Every structure is written in C-alpha cells, then in structure tokens.
C-alpha atoms as a PDB file:
ATOM      1  CA  MET A   1       0.000   0.000   0.000  1.00  0.00           C
ATOM      2  CA  GLU A   2       1.091   3.582  -0.559  1.00  0.00           C
ATOM      3  CA  LEU A   3       0.361   6.983   0.957  1.00  0.00           C
ATOM      4  CA  THR A   4       1.640  10.395  -0.118  1.00  0.00           C
ATOM      5  CA  GLY A   5       1.721  13.309   2.276  1.00  0.00           C
ATOM      6  CA  THR A   6       3.789  15.612   4.457  1.00  0.00           C
ATOM      7  CA  ILE A   7       5.789  14.439   7.466  1.00  0.00           C
ATOM      8  CA  THR A   8       4.435  16.342  10.477  1.00  0.00           C
ATOM      9  CA  ALA A   9       6.341  14.609  13.287  1.00  0.00           C
ATOM     10  CA  VAL A  10       9.623  12.731  13.628  1.00  0.00           C
ATOM     11  CA  LEU A  11       9.661  10.985  16.988  1.00  0.00           C
ATOM     12  CA  PRO A  12      12.858  10.032  18.841  1.00  0.00           C
ATOM     13  CA  PRO A  13      14.347   6.654  17.943  1.00  0.00           C
ATOM     14  CA  LYS A  14      13.905   3.668  20.224  1.00  0.00           C
ATOM     15  CA  SER A  15      16.599   1.015  20.544  1.00  0.00           C
ATOM     16  CA  GLY A  16      17.467  -2.026  22.564  1.00  0.00           C
ATOM     17  CA  VAL A  17      18.918  -5.504  22.530  1.00  0.00           C
ATOM     18  CA  SER A  18      16.876  -8.546  21.572  1.00  0.00           C
ATOM     19  CA  ALA A  19      16.456 -10.930  24.507  1.00  0.00           C
ATOM     20  CA  ARG A  20      16.121 -13.841  22.107  1.00  0.00           C
ATOM     21  CA  THR A  21      19.077 -13.214  19.761  1.00  0.00           C
ATOM     22  CA  GLY A  22      21.226 -10.700  21.623  1.00  0.00           C
ATOM     23  CA  ASN A  23      21.347  -8.405  18.557  1.00  0.00           C
ATOM     24  CA  SER A  24      20.767  -4.673  18.869  1.00  0.00           C
ATOM     25  CA  TRP A  25      17.758  -3.103  17.155  1.00  0.00           C
ATOM     26  CA  MET A  26      16.428   0.397  16.414  1.00  0.00           C
ATOM     27  CA  THR A  27      13.025   1.715  15.389  1.00  0.00           C
ATOM     28  CA  ARG A  28      11.661   5.199  14.734  1.00  0.00           C
ATOM     29  CA  GLU A  29       8.111   6.493  14.401  1.00  0.00           C
ATOM     30  CA  TYR A  30       6.895   9.226  12.073  1.00  0.00           C
ATOM     31  CA  VAL A  31       3.542  10.895  11.449  1.00  0.00           C
ATOM     32  CA  ILE A  32       2.418  11.659   7.889  1.00  0.00           C
ATOM     33  CA  GLU A  33      -0.440  14.046   7.074  1.00  0.00           C
ATOM     34  CA  ILE A  34      -2.595  12.953   4.140  1.00  0.00           C
ATOM     35  CA  PRO A  35      -4.296  15.887   2.356  1.00  0.00           C
ATOM     36  CA  GLY A  36      -7.907  15.766   1.237  1.00  0.00           C
ATOM     37  CA  GLN A  37     -11.316  17.089   2.168  1.00  0.00           C
ATOM     38  CA  TYR A  38     -10.754  15.622   5.630  1.00  0.00           C
ATOM     39  CA  VAL A  39      -7.059  15.685   6.540  1.00  0.00           C
ATOM     40  CA  LYS A  40      -5.843  12.398   8.015  1.00  0.00           C
ATOM     41  CA  HIS A  41      -2.756  11.580  10.066  1.00  0.00           C
ATOM     42  CA  VAL A  42      -1.076   8.174  10.052  1.00  0.00           C
ATOM     43  CA  ALA A  43       1.690   7.120  12.432  1.00  0.00           C
ATOM     44  CA  PHE A  44       4.128   4.647  10.890  1.00  0.00           C
ATOM     45  CA  THR A  45       7.287   2.856  11.973  1.00  0.00           C
ATOM     46  CA  ILE A  46      10.582   2.171  10.252  1.00  0.00           C
ATOM     47  CA  PHE A  47      12.562  -0.717  11.722  1.00  0.00           C
ATOM     48  CA  GLY A  48      16.333  -0.940  11.411  1.00  0.00           C
ATOM     49  CA  GLU A  49      19.069   1.657  11.842  1.00  0.00           C
ATOM     50  CA  ASP A  50      20.260   1.152   8.252  1.00  0.00           C
ATOM     51  CA  ARG A  51      16.798   1.930   6.801  1.00  0.00           C
ATOM     52  CA  ILE A  52      16.305   4.923   9.095  1.00  0.00           C
ATOM     53  CA  LYS A  53      19.582   6.398   7.816  1.00  0.00           C
ATOM     54  CA  GLN A  54      18.892   5.394   4.195  1.00  0.00           C
ATOM     55  CA  PHE A  55      15.463   7.065   4.052  1.00  0.00           C
ATOM     56  CA  ASN A  56      16.656  10.155   6.020  1.00  0.00           C
ATOM     57  CA  ILE A  57      13.119  11.453   6.557  1.00  0.00           C
ATOM     58  CA  LYS A  58      12.874  15.074   7.702  1.00  0.00           C
ATOM     59  CA  GLN A  59       9.951  16.955   9.170  1.00  0.00           C
ATOM     60  CA  TYR A  60       7.813  18.974   6.702  1.00  0.00           C
ATOM     61  CA  GLU A  61       9.014  17.135   3.582  1.00  0.00           C
ATOM     62  CA  THR A  62       6.553  15.508   1.192  1.00  0.00           C
ATOM     63  CA  VAL A  63       7.115  11.796   0.639  1.00  0.00           C
ATOM     64  CA  THR A  64       5.364   8.660  -0.555  1.00  0.00           C
ATOM     65  CA  ILE A  65       5.584   5.749   1.849  1.00  0.00           C
ATOM     66  CA  GLN A  66       5.066   2.104   0.963  1.00  0.00           C
ATOM     67  CA  PHE A  67       3.887   0.072   3.934  1.00  0.00           C
ATOM     68  CA  ASP A  68       2.216  -3.007   5.358  1.00  0.00           C
ATOM     69  CA  ILE A  69      -0.322  -3.119   8.182  1.00  0.00           C
ATOM     70  CA  ASP A  70      -0.106  -5.759  10.889  1.00  0.00           C
ATOM     71  CA  ALA A  71      -2.108  -6.362  14.059  1.00  0.00           C
ATOM     72  CA  HIS A  72      -0.941  -8.008  17.252  1.00  0.00           C
ATOM     73  CA  GLU A  73      -2.561  -8.903  20.560  1.00  0.00           C
ATOM     74  CA  TYR A  74      -1.254  -7.816  23.969  1.00  0.00           C
ATOM     75  CA  ASN A  75      -3.117  -8.564  27.232  1.00  0.00           C
ATOM     76  CA  GLY A  76      -6.380  -9.240  25.439  1.00  0.00           C
ATOM     77  CA  LYS A  77      -6.272  -6.035  23.344  1.00  0.00           C
ATOM     78  CA  TRP A  78      -5.436  -5.741  19.671  1.00  0.00           C
ATOM     79  CA  PHE A  79      -3.119  -3.082  18.245  1.00  0.00           C
ATOM     80  CA  ASN A  80      -2.397  -2.104  14.638  1.00  0.00           C
ATOM     81  CA  GLU A  81       1.079  -1.296  13.411  1.00  0.00           C
ATOM     82  CA  VAL A  82       1.887   0.461  10.125  1.00  0.00           C
ATOM     83  CA  ARG A  83       5.336  -0.774   9.058  1.00  0.00           C
ATOM     84  CA  CYS A  84       7.011   1.252   6.318  1.00  0.00           C
ATOM     85  CA  TYR A  85       9.395  -0.662   4.053  1.00  0.00           C
ATOM     86  CA  ASN A  86      10.166   1.996   1.412  1.00  0.00           C
ATOM     87  CA  VAL A  87      10.124   5.783   1.127  1.00  0.00           C
ATOM     88  CA  LEU A  88       9.972   7.614  -2.198  1.00  0.00           C
ATOM     89  CA  ASN A  89      11.076  11.238  -1.997  1.00  0.00           C
ATOM     90  CA  PRO A  90      10.337  13.324  -5.104  1.00  0.00           C
ATOM     91  CA  ASN A  91      12.879  15.991  -4.008  1.00  0.00           C
ATOM     92  CA  GLN A  92      15.855  13.619  -4.024  1.00  0.00           C
ATOM     93  CA  GLN A  93      17.684  12.943  -7.255  1.00  0.00           C
ATOM     94  CA  PRO A  94      17.911   9.251  -8.189  1.00  0.00           C
ATOM     95  CA  ALA A  95      21.319   7.663  -7.882  1.00  0.00           C
ATOM     96  CA  ALA A  96      23.451   7.976 -11.002  1.00  0.00           C
ATOM     97  CA  ALA A  97      23.261   4.931 -13.218  1.00  0.00           C
ATOM     98  CA  PRO A  98      26.435   3.391 -14.614  1.00  0.00           C
ATOM     99  CA  GLN A  99      27.652   4.999 -17.864  1.00  0.00           C
ATOM    100  CA  SER A 100      27.118   1.826 -19.902  1.00  0.00           C
ATOM    101  CA  ALA A 101      23.453   1.773 -18.915  1.00  0.00           C
ATOM    102  CA  GLN A 102      22.985   5.449 -19.817  1.00  0.00           C
ATOM    103  CA  GLN A 103      24.406   5.270 -23.326  1.00  0.00           C
ATOM    104  CA  PRO A 104      21.672   3.114 -24.941  1.00  0.00           C
ATOM    105  CA  ALA A 105      19.004   5.397 -23.488  1.00  0.00           C
ATOM    106  CA  GLN A 106      20.782   8.483 -24.814  1.00  0.00           C
ATOM    107  CA  GLN A 107      21.180   6.969 -28.272  1.00  0.00           C
ATOM    108  CA  SER A 108      17.522   6.088 -28.535  1.00  0.00           C
ATOM    109  CA  SER A 109      16.432   9.559 -27.449  1.00  0.00           C
ATOM    110  CA  THR A 110      18.554  11.291 -30.115  1.00  0.00           C
ATOM    111  CA  GLN A 111      17.144   9.219 -32.985  1.00  0.00           C
ATOM    112  CA  PRO A 112      13.822  10.417 -34.391  1.00  0.00           C
ATOM    113  CA  ALA A 113      10.888   8.090 -34.063  1.00  0.00           C
ATOM    114  CA  PRO A 114       9.996   6.320 -37.299  1.00  0.00           C
ATOM    115  CA  GLN A 115       7.187   8.095 -39.111  1.00  0.00           C
ATOM    116  CA  SER A 116       4.231   6.093 -40.302  1.00  0.00           C
ATOM    117  CA  SER A 117       3.285   6.769 -43.897  1.00  0.00           C
ATOM    118  CA  GLN A 118      -0.330   5.931 -43.137  1.00  0.00           C
ATOM    119  CA  GLN A 119      -2.335   8.426 -41.076  1.00  0.00           C
ATOM    120  CA  LEU A 120      -5.108   7.076 -38.861  1.00  0.00           C
ATOM    121  CA  PRO A 121      -8.576   8.585 -39.349  1.00  0.00           C
ATOM    122  CA  PRO A 122     -10.104  10.487 -36.425  1.00  0.00           C
ATOM    123  CA  PRO A 123     -12.274   8.355 -34.147  1.00  0.00           C
ATOM    124  CA  ALA A 124     -15.921   8.120 -35.112  1.00  0.00           C
ATOM    125  CA  VAL A 125     -18.329   9.899 -32.770  1.00  0.00           C
ATOM    126  CA  SER A 126     -21.908   8.719 -32.558  1.00  0.00           C
ATOM    127  CA  PRO A 127     -24.668  11.357 -32.891  1.00  0.00           C
ATOM    128  CA  GLN A 128     -25.902  10.495 -29.401  1.00  0.00           C
ATOM    129  CA  ALA A 129     -22.479  11.153 -27.797  1.00  0.00           C
ATOM    130  CA  GLN A 130     -22.044  14.570 -29.466  1.00  0.00           C
ATOM    131  CA  GLY A 131     -24.787  16.334 -27.547  1.00  0.00           C
ATOM    132  CA  ASN A 132     -24.842  14.246 -24.387  1.00  0.00           C
ATOM    133  CA  ASP A 133     -22.060  14.231 -21.754  1.00  0.00           C
ATOM    134  CA  ASP A 134     -23.705  11.526 -19.644  1.00  0.00           C
ATOM    135  CA  LEU A 135     -22.088   8.152 -19.243  1.00  0.00           C
ATOM    136  CA  PRO A 136     -23.747   5.316 -21.181  1.00  0.00           C
ATOM    137  CA  PHE A 137     -24.477   3.295 -18.065  1.00  0.00           C
END
C-alpha cells in the first residue's frame, strides 16, 4: 500500500537488545499528514538503523511511503502497526546509473521516431455522444 503526504512529526528513535538473539535493534516512528477534504494523520514505523539512515526522513518534507499493516494482541487487546518498508522522496535525485546503462538510453532519445506513412482517421463519434455528456451506463 502507498500513501503520499507531508511528514508532520519525527519521533525520537527507540533502541534495545533482543532478549532472544542478543542483537541490537532500532526503530523510529513518524507521522504523515494525508491531504484531502478531511485531513488524516497516520503514524508509521521504520525498523532498522540502516533503513532509518537510508530514508533520512525530515519533518515537513513531502514523501510517498510504501507500507504493510499488521495487528498483534497484547493482554487481550489488539493493536495495529503500520510498518514502512520503502520511502519515495520526489525531491531527491535518483542515484546515477552506470555509464554503460545510460548510453543506450541516450542513443535512442537522439534518434527520431519512425514516421508512419499511413495516417489514422479520427475516431468516429456517434450522434448520441455529441450532444450528451452523460455516461452510457
């Protein structure tokens, strides 16, 4: 699933050591504001220090998050968790591709597209559709 909106809160990171494996862990919560007629706020979590640093989410920036929703039970109550696994930031430039991968794309963009000698006729419009904007169903 995906949501696009503005980050309104960046909460402090939480960290610890797993009792089961002995490995350290880190998680951080964020709040994204979804625009619309009725503005919505969604709190989501990113797990893992490497992902937190990779995504580098800052307050007030507009991003698209890709996430999963999971529910778990604790003491007879159920809780939802929104776990983000990818962040798309339109303000960041994509990483530079290797030169060999760029050359074929550049070559194809410099060559003109082949022209068709046969022109297609304009689409036929029924007399009923010309004066009526209503959908046919």
